[in-house]
Each structure stands twice: as C-alpha cells, then as structure tokens.
C-alpha cells in the first residue's frame, strides 16, 4: 500500500540461504575497454562453482578475440571446463586439459555489441589455476550469426 502512495518502503529479505554463486554487486567495477585489455584473474581461487565478474564499458562495439590463460597440475586426461556468459547467455566455452603445471591459452571469438556489457566466467571444476583473460578488438561486426 505504501508503494502505491509513493512513499518509500524498504523490503527486507529474510531467511534466504546463501548460494555458492551469489555475487556481491557492490564489488563490480566497469573497466573501460578501448579495443584491447588484459585482466589478471589470480586475485581469486578458481575452484569448482566459482565465478569471475567482468564488467566492461565498451568503447568500440564489435567482434573481439578472447584468450583465457591457465595452468593445471593435473595430467592431460583431466578436463576442466569454463564458460563465459554475456548478459546471462553462454557465449564461449573454454575446456582445458591438465597441463602438468604449464600455462595454456585458449582463444575464442565473441561479440560485444552493447556499450555496457557484464560477463561472468564460470569455473565448473577444481584443479585449474586461472591466470588472465585478454580481449583484442578484431572488427566492428556485431552480428552473431557467424558464431553458430
């Protein structure tokens, strides 16, 4: 009733269990993406179920090359998937194998067509040490039909 009368009313959520993928929205900071960027991912342990939030103020909308670099102490039979989501939609999958400690890079193409883009990198398995993610501007193509 208070909302219909245009008076301020605060809703308090109680008894909501904390979920493993809860994200603190206060910690999200938009990084200006002017064609190229290299982002260090070592600030957080990449364990199963962990998320990295990457928010961009995209100065040049278009197609970007995304390179994810990581290492693993596991042997080459291990499969360690990571998924990059853009605005809640999975847009790229990076599946690493164990590298016995060596750094490996996997490159994919994505489209960043909006000025403000919030993405999430989801780590599905333990055993991978994420190092960095690099974005390189390729062209101004914002069509996604070539990806599929």
Protein backbone atom coordinates (compact mmCIF):
# COMPACT_ATOMS: atom_id res chain seq x y z
CA UNK A 1 0.00 0.00 0.00
CA UNK A 2 2.85 2.37 0.84
CA UNK A 3 4.31 1.97 -2.65
CA UNK A 4 1.04 2.94 -4.31
CA UNK A 5 1.02 6.14 -2.24
CA UNK A 6 4.55 6.96 -3.47
CA UNK A 7 6.07 6.73 -0.01
CA UNK A 8 9.41 5.00 0.48
CA UNK A 9 9.15 1.40 1.57
CA UNK A 10 12.11 -0.94 2.08
CA UNK A 11 11.75 -4.64 1.53
CA UNK A 12 13.84 -6.83 3.79
CA UNK A 13 14.63 -10.34 2.62
CA UNK A 14 14.95 -12.79 5.49
CA UNK A 15 15.81 -16.47 5.72
CA UNK A 16 17.26 -16.64 2.21
CA UNK A 17 20.01 -19.25 2.17
CA UNK A 18 23.38 -18.10 0.80
CA UNK A 19 24.08 -19.73 -2.53
CA UNK A 20 27.51 -20.58 -3.91
CA UNK A 21 27.04 -18.33 -6.94
CA UNK A 22 25.86 -15.24 -5.02
CA UNK A 23 27.68 -12.18 -6.30
CA UNK A 24 28.35 -9.03 -4.32
CA UNK A 25 27.08 -6.31 -6.66
CA UNK A 26 28.93 -3.63 -4.68
CA UNK A 27 32.26 -5.08 -5.86
CA UNK A 28 31.52 -4.85 -9.59
CA UNK A 29 33.57 -2.18 -11.32
CA UNK A 30 33.22 -1.36 -15.02
CA UNK A 31 36.55 -1.44 -16.85
CA UNK A 32 36.88 0.80 -19.90
CA UNK A 33 37.51 -1.49 -22.87
CA UNK A 34 39.18 0.54 -25.59
CA UNK A 35 39.98 -2.16 -28.18
CA UNK A 36 42.36 -4.24 -26.01
CA UNK A 37 42.51 -5.33 -22.37
CA UNK A 38 44.46 -7.77 -20.23
CA UNK A 39 42.80 -8.72 -16.95
CA UNK A 40 44.58 -10.56 -14.16
CA UNK A 41 42.50 -13.42 -12.71
CA UNK A 42 44.87 -14.54 -9.96
CA UNK A 43 43.06 -12.46 -7.32
CA UNK A 44 40.57 -15.29 -6.73
CA UNK A 45 40.97 -19.04 -6.37
CA UNK A 46 39.37 -20.78 -9.33
CA UNK A 47 37.58 -23.69 -7.71
CA UNK A 48 34.51 -25.62 -8.84
CA UNK A 49 31.47 -23.34 -8.88
CA UNK A 50 33.40 -20.07 -8.68
CA UNK A 51 32.53 -17.04 -10.79
CA UNK A 52 34.54 -14.10 -12.06
CA UNK A 53 32.52 -11.00 -12.92
CA UNK A 54 33.90 -8.93 -15.81
CA UNK A 55 32.07 -5.67 -16.47
CA UNK A 56 33.08 -3.55 -19.45
CA UNK A 57 32.38 -0.06 -20.72
CA UNK A 58 32.88 -0.99 -24.39
CA UNK A 59 34.21 1.94 -26.41
CA UNK A 60 34.30 0.01 -29.71
CA UNK A 61 31.40 -2.43 -30.11
CA UNK A 62 32.19 -5.36 -32.37
CA UNK A 63 33.93 -8.71 -32.56
CA UNK A 64 36.65 -9.47 -30.03
CA UNK A 65 39.14 -12.27 -29.65
CA UNK A 66 39.13 -13.59 -26.07
CA UNK A 67 42.14 -15.54 -24.79
CA UNK A 68 41.90 -17.34 -21.47
CA UNK A 69 45.24 -18.41 -19.96
CA UNK A 70 45.51 -21.00 -17.19
CA UNK A 71 47.60 -23.86 -15.87
CA UNK A 72 46.87 -27.10 -14.07
CA UNK A 73 48.96 -29.53 -12.06
CA UNK A 74 46.75 -32.42 -13.27
CA UNK A 75 47.73 -34.76 -16.09
CA UNK A 76 46.44 -34.40 -19.66
CA UNK A 77 43.44 -36.69 -19.08
CA UNK A 78 41.76 -34.08 -16.87
CA UNK A 79 39.05 -31.97 -18.50
CA UNK A 80 38.47 -28.59 -16.88
CA UNK A 81 35.58 -26.63 -18.43
CA UNK A 82 34.97 -22.88 -18.09
CA UNK A 83 32.06 -21.00 -19.60
CA UNK A 84 31.89 -17.31 -20.43
CA UNK A 85 28.40 -15.81 -20.08
CA UNK A 86 27.40 -12.44 -21.51
CA UNK A 87 24.26 -10.89 -20.05
CA UNK A 88 23.33 -14.35 -18.71
CA UNK A 89 23.77 -16.20 -22.02
CA UNK A 90 26.65 -18.67 -22.54
CA UNK A 91 28.76 -17.36 -25.43
CA UNK A 92 32.06 -19.25 -25.21
CA UNK A 93 33.33 -22.46 -23.67
CA UNK A 94 36.99 -23.00 -22.75
CA UNK A 95 37.85 -26.62 -21.96
CA UNK A 96 41.36 -27.08 -20.62
CA UNK A 97 43.18 -30.34 -20.14
CA UNK A 98 45.68 -30.89 -17.37
CA UNK A 99 48.99 -29.31 -18.32
CA UNK A 100 51.26 -30.62 -15.53
CA UNK A 101 51.96 -27.03 -14.48
CA UNK A 102 52.49 -25.43 -17.91
CA UNK A 103 50.46 -22.37 -18.93
CA UNK A 104 47.99 -22.94 -21.77
CA UNK A 105 45.92 -20.37 -23.66
CA UNK A 106 42.62 -20.96 -25.46
CA UNK A 107 41.23 -18.33 -27.83
CA UNK A 108 37.60 -17.77 -28.90
CA UNK A 109 35.70 -15.03 -30.74
CA UNK A 110 32.84 -13.16 -29.10
CA UNK A 111 30.65 -10.17 -29.94
CA UNK A 112 30.38 -7.22 -27.57
CA UNK A 113 27.61 -5.23 -29.21
CA UNK A 114 26.45 -3.02 -26.35
CA UNK A 115 28.28 -0.23 -24.59
CA UNK A 116 27.88 -1.68 -21.11
CA UNK A 117 28.49 -5.43 -21.05
CA UNK A 118 28.52 -7.57 -17.94
CA UNK A 119 30.02 -11.03 -18.35
CA UNK A 120 30.63 -13.91 -15.98
CA UNK A 121 33.32 -16.55 -16.24
CA UNK A 122 32.14 -19.76 -14.56
CA UNK A 123 34.63 -22.43 -13.45
CA UNK A 124 32.97 -25.86 -13.39
CA UNK A 125 35.79 -28.00 -11.97
CA UNK A 126 38.62 -27.92 -9.45
CA UNK A 127 42.25 -28.13 -10.50
CA UNK A 128 42.64 -25.13 -12.80
CA UNK A 129 44.66 -22.03 -11.92
CA UNK A 130 43.31 -19.15 -13.99
CA UNK A 131 45.96 -16.55 -14.86
CA UNK A 132 44.43 -13.96 -17.18
CA UNK A 133 41.84 -13.13 -19.79
CA UNK A 134 42.81 -10.95 -22.75
CA UNK A 135 40.45 -9.19 -25.14
CA UNK A 136 41.57 -7.94 -28.56
CA UNK A 137 39.36 -5.93 -30.90
CA UNK A 138 39.02 -7.52 -34.36
CA UNK A 139 36.36 -5.56 -36.25
CA UNK A 140 33.05 -3.69 -35.93
CA UNK A 141 30.88 -6.69 -36.85
CA UNK A 142 28.15 -7.02 -34.21
CA UNK A 143 26.27 -9.82 -36.00
CA UNK A 144 26.31 -13.09 -34.10
CA UNK A 145 25.24 -15.36 -36.94
CA UNK A 146 28.85 -16.30 -37.77
CA UNK A 147 29.42 -17.76 -34.29
CA UNK A 148 26.83 -20.51 -34.55
